[in-house]
Amino acid sequence: MASLWEMAIKVKIGKLDLLVDLKEFVFHLKKNNIEIIPLAFEHILETMDLEDHHRDPFDRIILAQAKFENMTIISKDENFYKYIHIKLMW
């Protein structure tokens, strides 16, 4: 959910152009069985245990969710690789 929220903000301010609108993008995620994880209080608490390699609040909640849910993040953000307890792909 944090990634979609960040995307919506960037589309609105002109920093992100999508080939489809965000509603259609989400449709394709669901169609391809890509789970959208809601934000939970436990995820917020998990951000408090993350190292301070990354200051971006959206990225920190994504990292915390992945750690708490034991999931893999798909990203090419080089800062994510500084978190050794997070599974990454790409």
Protein backbone atom coordinates (compact mmCIF):
# COMPACT_ATOMS: atom_id res chain seq x y z
CA MET A 1 0.00 0.00 0.00
CA ALA A 2 2.89 2.34 0.78
CA SER A 3 4.24 1.99 -2.77
CA LEU A 4 0.84 2.80 -4.27
CA TRP A 5 0.47 5.80 -1.97
CA GLU A 6 3.90 7.10 -3.00
CA MET A 7 3.08 6.50 -6.68
CA ALA A 8 -0.19 8.44 -6.36
CA ILE A 9 1.65 11.40 -4.84
CA LYS A 10 4.34 11.36 -7.55
CA VAL A 11 1.76 11.10 -10.36
CA LYS A 12 -0.15 14.06 -8.91
CA ILE A 13 2.94 16.30 -8.66
CA GLY A 14 4.24 15.26 -12.09
CA LYS A 15 7.26 13.25 -10.95
CA LEU A 16 5.92 9.93 -12.27
CA ASP A 17 4.28 9.09 -15.58
CA LEU A 18 2.54 5.73 -15.80
CA LEU A 19 1.54 4.03 -19.04
CA VAL A 20 -1.88 3.39 -17.45
CA ASP A 21 -3.75 5.20 -14.69
CA LEU A 22 -3.21 4.01 -11.14
CA LYS A 23 -6.60 2.23 -10.95
CA GLU A 24 -5.74 0.15 -14.00
CA PHE A 25 -2.25 -0.49 -12.60
CA VAL A 26 -3.78 -1.93 -9.42
CA PHE A 27 -6.14 -4.05 -11.52
CA HIS A 28 -3.11 -5.59 -13.25
CA LEU A 29 -1.41 -6.24 -9.92
CA LYS A 30 -4.43 -8.16 -8.66
CA LYS A 31 -4.84 -9.98 -11.99
CA ASN A 32 -1.24 -11.20 -11.67
CA ASN A 33 -1.71 -12.29 -8.04
CA ILE A 34 0.51 -9.55 -6.65
CA GLU A 35 -0.66 -8.93 -3.12
CA ILE A 36 -1.22 -5.40 -1.85
CA ILE A 37 -0.30 -5.41 1.82
CA PRO A 38 -2.28 -2.99 4.00
CA LEU A 39 -0.39 -0.91 6.55
CA ALA A 40 -0.60 -2.24 10.09
CA PHE A 41 0.56 -0.88 13.43
CA GLU A 42 3.07 -3.74 13.66
CA HIS A 43 4.71 -2.47 10.48
CA ILE A 44 5.03 1.00 11.96
CA LEU A 45 6.63 -0.45 15.10
CA GLU A 46 9.04 -2.44 12.92
CA THR A 47 10.37 0.84 11.42
CA MET A 48 11.74 1.68 14.86
CA ASP A 49 14.06 -1.35 14.70
CA LEU A 50 15.42 -0.60 11.22
CA GLU A 51 18.92 0.75 10.83
CA ASP A 52 19.11 4.37 9.63
CA HIS A 53 20.50 3.63 6.16
CA HIS A 54 17.46 5.20 4.53
CA ARG A 55 15.50 8.30 5.58
CA ASP A 56 12.65 8.13 3.04
CA PRO A 57 9.50 7.31 5.08
CA PHE A 58 7.85 5.39 2.23
CA ASP A 59 10.92 3.22 1.73
CA ARG A 60 11.24 2.63 5.46
CA ILE A 61 7.66 1.37 5.77
CA ILE A 62 8.17 -0.88 2.73
CA LEU A 63 11.33 -2.30 4.35
CA ALA A 64 9.55 -2.75 7.68
CA GLN A 65 6.60 -4.53 6.05
CA ALA A 66 8.89 -6.90 4.19
CA LYS A 67 10.83 -7.70 7.34
CA PHE A 68 7.74 -8.18 9.50
CA GLU A 69 5.87 -10.24 6.88
CA ASN A 70 9.01 -12.15 5.84
CA MET A 71 8.52 -11.15 2.22
CA THR A 72 10.85 -10.22 -0.65
CA ILE A 73 11.06 -6.66 -1.97
CA ILE A 74 11.41 -6.14 -5.70
CA SER A 75 13.46 -2.96 -6.09
CA LYS A 76 16.60 -1.60 -7.67
CA ASP A 77 17.07 0.97 -4.88
CA GLU A 78 20.73 0.53 -3.87
CA ASN A 79 20.01 1.71 -0.31
CA PHE A 80 17.80 -1.33 0.27
CA TYR A 81 20.85 -3.62 -0.01
CA LYS A 82 22.27 -2.02 3.16
CA TYR A 83 19.57 -3.86 5.14
CA ILE A 84 21.02 -7.33 5.50
CA HIS A 85 17.89 -8.84 7.08
CA ILE A 86 15.63 -7.88 4.14
CA LYS A 87 15.17 -10.23 1.18
CA LEU A 88 15.59 -8.39 -2.13
CA MET A 89 15.14 -9.17 -5.78
CA TRP A 90 16.37 -7.22 -8.81
